[in-house]
């Protein structure tokens, strides 16, 4: 069952086309990430679904109800949608309890629901504190609880963890997404971080210049990107020129197995692979590479090498001290 349905949604600000013909379905109980760089239209898409903006063209449905079309508009306050902006935006003059219960209309229900949400986010002892007395992570949890308190049909998260330091961001993201998944809440998450999108979402919609380039599972968009552009937006990517022969390609790294070949033998193609697929050979076989520099990265070693003049930036598992190494490719690759 679909909770959000977007059909050919277009939005323009002055002469700038922000969204162009976006069609997308989000299933009930699903977490979907909108992944893309700044300015790609992902936040605008969230605001259209929330009812803060109107599309120039296209239809938006939430559940069975058309909430925005050429002849119908349901205002934001009647869409039953929870929205958590990037900065959280708590009311500074209200306590934690006051913020959480703000959107619940009935007094008795407000009290009960506020207590329930405080327990859910683990801040029962902070009910009477003000936002300025909370840490950044606590403020984001309160913002989420405020959005959940009115029992919305879906939650929209606009990069809610971007202001936190990296370790807190990862921990908060995991905690919040687990909470929403356990509640069965349909969630749409905006992020520019592939790692956050992959860890949080059931499916990822990759966006660029107002369009959805690809929508699929995290594994699918990472290992089977629909285009070079989608590959670059979902992680570090390496592109090699080569020729296709059956189920493999001839490249500077030697013969590389390829998946889903649809081109004729001898055809020139661009071969895509992830840096972690290239590893140092231990059996004396592989492509000879000259080592230009190394960088300690904790679990991995960053390696800049060249093979027949073609430069590669790699991450390998073990430190390297030799001036040359032999490289091999793990797994299959794709070609464009």
Protein backbone atom coordinates (compact mmCIF):
# COMPACT_ATOMS: atom_id res chain seq x y z
CA UNK A 1 0.00 0.00 0.00
CA UNK A 2 1.27 3.47 -0.92
CA UNK A 3 1.40 6.27 1.66
CA UNK A 4 2.88 9.01 -0.55
CA UNK A 5 2.28 9.24 -4.28
CA UNK A 6 3.93 11.92 -6.42
CA UNK A 7 3.01 12.19 -10.09
CA UNK A 8 4.96 14.44 -12.49
CA UNK A 9 5.63 17.09 -9.85
CA UNK A 10 7.30 20.26 -11.15
CA UNK A 11 8.28 23.36 -9.18
CA UNK A 12 9.89 26.57 -10.44
CA UNK A 13 11.13 29.58 -8.48
CA UNK A 14 11.35 32.54 -10.89
CA UNK A 15 13.29 31.06 -13.83
CA UNK A 16 14.92 28.29 -11.79
CA UNK A 17 13.43 24.82 -12.29
CA UNK A 18 13.85 23.20 -8.86
CA UNK A 19 11.84 20.03 -9.53
CA UNK A 20 11.12 18.62 -12.96
CA UNK A 21 8.54 15.88 -13.48
CA UNK A 22 9.24 13.98 -10.26
CA UNK A 23 7.21 10.79 -9.80
CA UNK A 24 7.73 8.72 -6.67
CA UNK A 25 5.86 6.29 -4.42
CA UNK A 26 6.61 5.70 -0.73
CA UNK A 27 5.02 2.61 0.80
CA UNK A 28 3.22 2.46 4.13
CA UNK A 29 5.72 1.91 6.95
CA UNK A 30 8.69 2.41 4.64
CA UNK A 31 11.69 4.65 5.26
CA UNK A 32 12.87 6.34 2.08
CA UNK A 33 15.91 8.61 1.82
CA UNK A 34 16.13 11.46 -0.66
CA UNK A 35 19.86 11.56 -1.38
CA UNK A 36 21.52 14.35 -3.33
CA UNK A 37 23.72 17.44 -3.20
CA UNK A 38 22.62 20.87 -2.03
CA UNK A 39 20.26 22.51 -4.51
CA UNK A 40 19.02 19.27 -6.09
CA UNK A 41 15.42 19.88 -4.95
CA UNK A 42 15.11 17.36 -2.13
CA UNK A 43 14.08 19.87 0.57
CA UNK A 44 11.63 21.55 -1.82
CA UNK A 45 10.06 18.15 -2.45
CA UNK A 46 9.65 17.66 1.29
CA UNK A 47 8.02 21.10 1.63
CA UNK A 48 5.57 20.31 -1.17
CA UNK A 49 4.51 17.09 0.56
CA UNK A 50 4.11 18.96 3.86
CA UNK A 51 1.97 21.64 2.19
CA UNK A 52 4.35 24.56 2.81
CA UNK A 53 4.72 25.11 -0.95
CA UNK A 54 2.57 24.28 -3.98
CA UNK A 55 3.78 22.58 -7.16
CA UNK A 56 3.37 24.29 -10.52
CA UNK A 57 2.38 20.98 -12.09
CA UNK A 58 1.60 17.45 -10.97
CA UNK A 59 -0.34 15.72 -8.21
CA UNK A 60 0.51 14.75 -4.62
CA UNK A 61 -1.45 12.15 -2.66
CA UNK A 62 -1.09 11.08 0.97
CA UNK A 63 -2.79 7.74 1.44
CA UNK A 64 -6.02 7.74 -0.59
CA UNK A 65 -6.38 11.54 -0.46
CA UNK A 66 -5.18 13.88 -3.21
CA UNK A 67 -3.72 16.77 -1.20
CA UNK A 68 -2.42 18.87 -4.10
CA UNK A 69 -3.46 19.05 -7.74
CA UNK A 70 -4.61 21.65 -10.24
CA UNK A 71 -8.08 21.78 -8.67
CA UNK A 72 -7.50 20.71 -5.07
CA UNK A 73 -5.33 21.84 -2.16
CA UNK A 74 -5.32 20.51 1.40
CA UNK A 75 -3.52 22.97 3.73
CA UNK A 76 -0.54 21.81 5.79
CA UNK A 77 -2.44 21.74 9.10
CA UNK A 78 -4.93 19.23 7.66
CA UNK A 79 -2.43 16.81 6.10
CA UNK A 80 -1.57 14.98 9.33
CA UNK A 81 2.15 15.11 8.57
CA UNK A 82 5.01 15.45 11.05
CA UNK A 83 7.89 17.67 9.94
CA UNK A 84 11.34 17.95 11.56
CA UNK A 85 13.44 20.73 9.99
CA UNK A 86 17.22 20.81 9.85
CA UNK A 87 17.67 22.94 12.95
CA UNK A 88 14.88 21.32 15.01
CA UNK A 89 13.19 24.70 15.66
CA UNK A 90 11.98 24.17 19.22
CA UNK A 91 10.03 26.97 20.86
CA UNK A 92 12.58 28.57 23.23
CA UNK A 93 9.92 29.89 25.63
CA UNK A 94 8.32 26.45 26.14
CA UNK A 95 9.62 23.60 28.26
CA UNK A 96 10.43 20.20 26.79
CA UNK A 97 6.95 19.00 27.79
CA UNK A 98 5.38 22.14 26.33
CA UNK A 99 7.17 21.65 23.02
CA UNK A 100 6.20 17.99 22.75
CA UNK A 101 2.53 18.55 23.56
CA UNK A 102 2.14 21.66 21.42
CA UNK A 103 0.43 19.93 18.48
CA UNK A 104 -1.94 17.78 20.56
CA UNK A 105 -5.22 19.66 20.92
CA UNK A 106 -7.12 17.96 23.76
CA UNK A 107 -5.78 18.71 27.24
CA UNK A 108 -6.13 15.23 28.75
CA UNK A 109 -4.73 13.59 25.64
CA UNK A 110 -1.90 16.14 25.56
CA UNK A 111 -0.76 15.20 29.06
CA UNK A 112 -0.87 11.46 28.38
CA UNK A 113 0.77 11.73 24.97
CA UNK A 114 3.53 14.00 26.29
CA UNK A 115 4.40 11.48 29.00
CA UNK A 116 4.42 8.70 26.42
CA UNK A 117 6.75 10.64 24.12
CA UNK A 118 9.09 11.62 26.97
CA UNK A 119 9.44 7.95 27.84
CA UNK A 120 9.96 7.03 24.19
CA UNK A 121 12.89 9.43 23.77
CA UNK A 122 14.30 8.79 27.25
CA UNK A 123 13.94 12.34 28.57
CA UNK A 124 11.42 11.87 31.39
CA UNK A 125 13.69 13.76 33.79
CA UNK A 126 13.96 16.74 31.43
CA UNK A 127 10.25 17.56 31.05
CA UNK A 128 10.59 20.93 32.80
CA UNK A 129 13.83 21.99 31.13
CA UNK A 130 14.01 24.57 28.35
CA UNK A 131 15.67 23.93 24.97
CA UNK A 132 18.73 26.02 25.91
CA UNK A 133 19.40 23.56 28.75
CA UNK A 134 19.60 20.56 26.40
CA UNK A 135 22.41 19.19 24.26
CA UNK A 136 22.08 19.21 20.48
CA UNK A 137 21.17 15.53 20.40
CA UNK A 138 18.53 15.98 23.10
CA UNK A 139 17.00 18.91 21.22
CA UNK A 140 16.67 16.78 18.09
CA UNK A 141 14.96 14.03 20.07
CA UNK A 142 12.48 16.56 21.44
CA UNK A 143 11.83 17.88 17.92
CA UNK A 144 11.12 14.33 16.76
CA UNK A 145 8.82 13.68 19.74
CA UNK A 146 6.91 16.89 18.99
CA UNK A 147 6.40 15.72 15.40
CA UNK A 148 5.26 12.25 16.53
CA UNK A 149 2.94 13.39 19.34
CA UNK A 150 -0.12 14.13 17.13
CA UNK A 151 0.16 10.60 15.61
CA UNK A 152 0.91 11.70 12.02
CA UNK A 153 0.47 9.38 9.06
CA UNK A 154 4.04 10.12 8.00
CA UNK A 155 7.20 11.89 9.19
CA UNK A 156 9.34 14.19 7.05
CA UNK A 157 12.95 14.66 8.22
CA UNK A 158 14.98 17.45 6.61
CA UNK A 159 18.62 16.62 7.42
CA UNK A 160 17.78 16.60 11.15
CA UNK A 161 21.24 15.47 12.28
CA UNK A 162 23.48 17.63 10.08
CA UNK A 163 24.36 20.11 12.85
CA UNK A 164 25.67 17.37 15.15
CA UNK A 165 29.27 16.12 15.27
CA UNK A 166 29.93 12.98 13.25
CA UNK A 167 29.80 10.36 16.03
CA UNK A 168 26.70 11.86 17.65
CA UNK A 169 25.10 12.17 14.22
CA UNK A 170 25.62 8.48 13.50
CA UNK A 171 24.33 7.41 16.91
CA UNK A 172 21.30 9.72 16.81
CA UNK A 173 20.44 8.68 13.27
CA UNK A 174 20.52 5.00 14.21
CA UNK A 175 18.43 5.55 17.36
CA UNK A 176 15.81 7.70 15.66
CA UNK A 177 15.42 5.50 12.60
CA UNK A 178 15.12 2.37 14.77
CA UNK A 179 12.44 4.13 16.82
CA UNK A 180 10.45 5.13 13.72
CA UNK A 181 10.79 1.67 12.22
CA UNK A 182 9.56 0.03 15.43
CA UNK A 183 6.56 2.39 15.42
CA UNK A 184 5.82 1.49 11.79
CA UNK A 185 5.92 5.18 10.81
CA UNK A 186 6.27 6.02 7.14
CA UNK A 187 9.35 8.23 6.92
CA UNK A 188 10.94 10.41 4.25
CA UNK A 189 14.50 11.47 5.11
CA UNK A 190 16.47 14.18 3.29
CA UNK A 191 20.25 13.78 3.39
CA UNK A 192 23.37 14.52 1.36
CA UNK A 193 25.31 11.74 3.14
CA UNK A 194 25.26 8.35 1.34
CA UNK A 195 26.27 6.50 4.52
CA UNK A 196 23.29 7.94 6.41
CA UNK A 197 20.93 7.14 3.55
CA UNK A 198 22.16 3.55 3.26
CA UNK A 199 22.03 2.82 6.99
CA UNK A 200 18.65 4.47 7.61
CA UNK A 201 16.50 3.73 4.58
CA UNK A 202 14.68 0.78 3.05
CA UNK A 203 14.98 2.52 -0.32
CA UNK A 204 17.01 5.45 -1.60
CA UNK A 205 15.93 7.98 -4.23
CA UNK A 206 19.03 9.56 -5.79
CA UNK A 207 18.36 13.16 -6.88
CA UNK A 208 20.23 15.65 -9.04
CA UNK A 209 19.10 18.90 -10.68
CA UNK A 210 15.45 18.43 -9.73
CA UNK A 211 15.11 14.87 -11.00
CA UNK A 212 15.13 11.40 -9.50
CA UNK A 213 17.98 9.56 -11.22
CA UNK A 214 17.33 6.21 -9.56
CA UNK A 215 15.26 4.68 -6.78
CA UNK A 216 16.09 1.34 -5.21
CA UNK A 217 17.47 -0.48 -2.21
CA UNK A 218 20.74 0.82 -0.71
CA UNK A 219 22.58 -2.17 -2.16
CA UNK A 220 21.09 -1.61 -5.60
CA UNK A 221 21.90 2.10 -5.91
CA UNK A 222 25.43 1.54 -4.56
CA UNK A 223 26.46 -1.49 -6.61
CA UNK A 224 24.18 -1.02 -9.61
CA UNK A 225 23.92 2.75 -10.20
CA UNK A 226 21.80 3.61 -13.23
CA UNK A 227 24.35 6.09 -14.60
CA UNK A 228 27.77 7.64 -14.00
CA UNK A 229 26.04 10.54 -12.26
CA UNK A 230 24.18 8.23 -9.89
CA UNK A 231 27.42 6.34 -9.17
CA UNK A 232 29.22 9.53 -8.13
CA UNK A 233 26.34 10.64 -5.88
CA UNK A 234 26.25 7.36 -3.96
CA UNK A 235 29.95 7.02 -3.07
CA UNK A 236 33.49 7.10 -4.39
CA UNK A 237 33.65 5.74 -7.91
CA UNK A 238 36.33 4.75 -10.40
CA UNK A 239 35.75 4.76 -14.15
CA UNK A 240 38.07 2.93 -16.53
CA UNK A 241 38.02 2.94 -20.30
CA UNK A 242 37.95 -0.53 -21.78
CA UNK A 243 36.66 -2.86 -24.46
CA UNK A 244 33.96 -5.42 -23.90
CA UNK A 245 34.55 -9.08 -24.75
CA UNK A 246 31.76 -11.40 -23.66
CA UNK A 247 31.44 -11.35 -19.89
CA UNK A 248 34.56 -9.27 -19.21
CA UNK A 249 36.25 -5.99 -20.12
CA UNK A 250 39.89 -5.38 -21.04
CA UNK A 251 41.24 -2.40 -19.04
CA UNK A 252 44.50 -1.04 -17.63
CA UNK A 253 43.83 -3.32 -14.64
CA UNK A 254 43.54 -6.35 -16.89
CA UNK A 255 40.47 -8.49 -17.49
CA UNK A 256 37.56 -7.43 -15.29
CA UNK A 257 34.33 -9.47 -15.11
CA UNK A 258 31.24 -7.40 -15.87
CA UNK A 259 27.57 -7.86 -15.05
CA UNK A 260 24.59 -7.61 -17.39
CA UNK A 261 26.52 -7.05 -20.60
CA UNK A 262 24.26 -5.85 -23.42
CA UNK A 263 26.87 -4.61 -25.93
CA UNK A 264 28.68 -6.33 -28.78
CA UNK A 265 32.20 -7.71 -28.53
CA UNK A 266 34.90 -5.15 -29.19
CA UNK A 267 32.70 -2.22 -28.15
CA UNK A 268 34.43 0.56 -26.23
CA UNK A 269 32.79 1.21 -22.87
CA UNK A 270 33.32 2.89 -19.52
CA UNK A 271 33.77 0.37 -16.71
CA UNK A 272 32.55 1.38 -13.24
CA UNK A 273 33.83 0.00 -9.96
CA UNK A 274 34.14 1.06 -6.34
CA UNK A 275 37.61 1.79 -4.88
CA UNK A 276 37.28 -1.00 -2.31
CA UNK A 277 37.05 -3.53 -5.15
CA UNK A 278 40.68 -2.87 -6.09
CA UNK A 279 43.05 -4.69 -3.74
CA UNK A 280 46.73 -5.58 -3.59
CA UNK A 281 47.49 -9.04 -4.97
CA UNK A 282 49.17 -11.56 -2.73
CA UNK A 283 49.70 -14.25 -5.39
CA UNK A 284 52.17 -12.41 -7.63
CA UNK A 285 49.55 -11.72 -10.29
CA UNK A 286 47.86 -8.46 -11.27
CA UNK A 287 48.43 -5.08 -12.86
CA UNK A 288 51.69 -3.34 -11.92
CA UNK A 289 51.07 0.00 -10.17
CA UNK A 290 53.51 2.70 -9.09
CA UNK A 291 52.87 3.99 -5.56
CA UNK A 292 52.95 7.80 -5.35
CA UNK A 293 51.69 8.37 -1.79
CA UNK A 294 50.10 6.65 1.20
CA UNK A 295 47.85 7.99 3.94
CA UNK A 296 46.91 6.33 7.22
CA UNK A 297 43.09 6.29 7.58
CA UNK A 298 42.66 4.09 10.63
CA UNK A 299 41.06 0.87 9.41
CA UNK A 300 42.35 1.48 5.89
CA UNK A 301 45.33 2.96 4.11
CA UNK A 302 44.73 5.59 1.44
CA UNK A 303 46.84 4.87 -1.62
CA UNK A 304 47.53 7.01 -4.70
CA UNK A 305 48.94 4.89 -7.52
CA UNK A 306 49.23 4.96 -11.29
CA UNK A 307 48.86 2.13 -13.78
CA UNK A 308 50.21 2.89 -17.27
CA UNK A 309 49.88 6.59 -16.45
CA UNK A 310 46.28 6.27 -15.20
CA UNK A 311 46.01 7.56 -11.60
CA UNK A 312 43.87 5.80 -8.99
CA UNK A 313 42.96 6.72 -5.41
CA UNK A 314 42.38 3.55 -3.42
CA UNK A 315 41.67 2.30 0.09
CA UNK A 316 43.51 -0.91 0.96
CA UNK A 317 43.38 -3.05 4.07
CA UNK A 318 47.10 -3.13 4.94
CA UNK A 319 49.88 -0.51 5.07
CA UNK A 320 52.09 -0.30 1.96
CA UNK A 321 55.84 0.40 1.99
CA UNK A 322 56.92 -0.89 -1.43
CA UNK A 323 57.38 1.50 -4.40
CA UNK A 324 55.23 -0.74 -6.60
CA UNK A 325 52.31 -3.10 -6.01
CA UNK A 326 50.26 -5.56 -8.02
CA UNK A 327 46.52 -4.86 -8.15
CA UNK A 328 43.54 -7.09 -8.77
CA UNK A 329 39.78 -6.45 -8.87
CA UNK A 330 37.36 -8.22 -6.52
CA UNK A 331 33.86 -8.96 -7.79
CA UNK A 332 32.08 -7.92 -10.95
CA UNK A 333 31.72 -4.43 -12.40
CA UNK A 334 29.25 -2.54 -14.56
CA UNK A 335 29.79 -0.76 -17.84
CA UNK A 336 28.17 2.28 -19.42
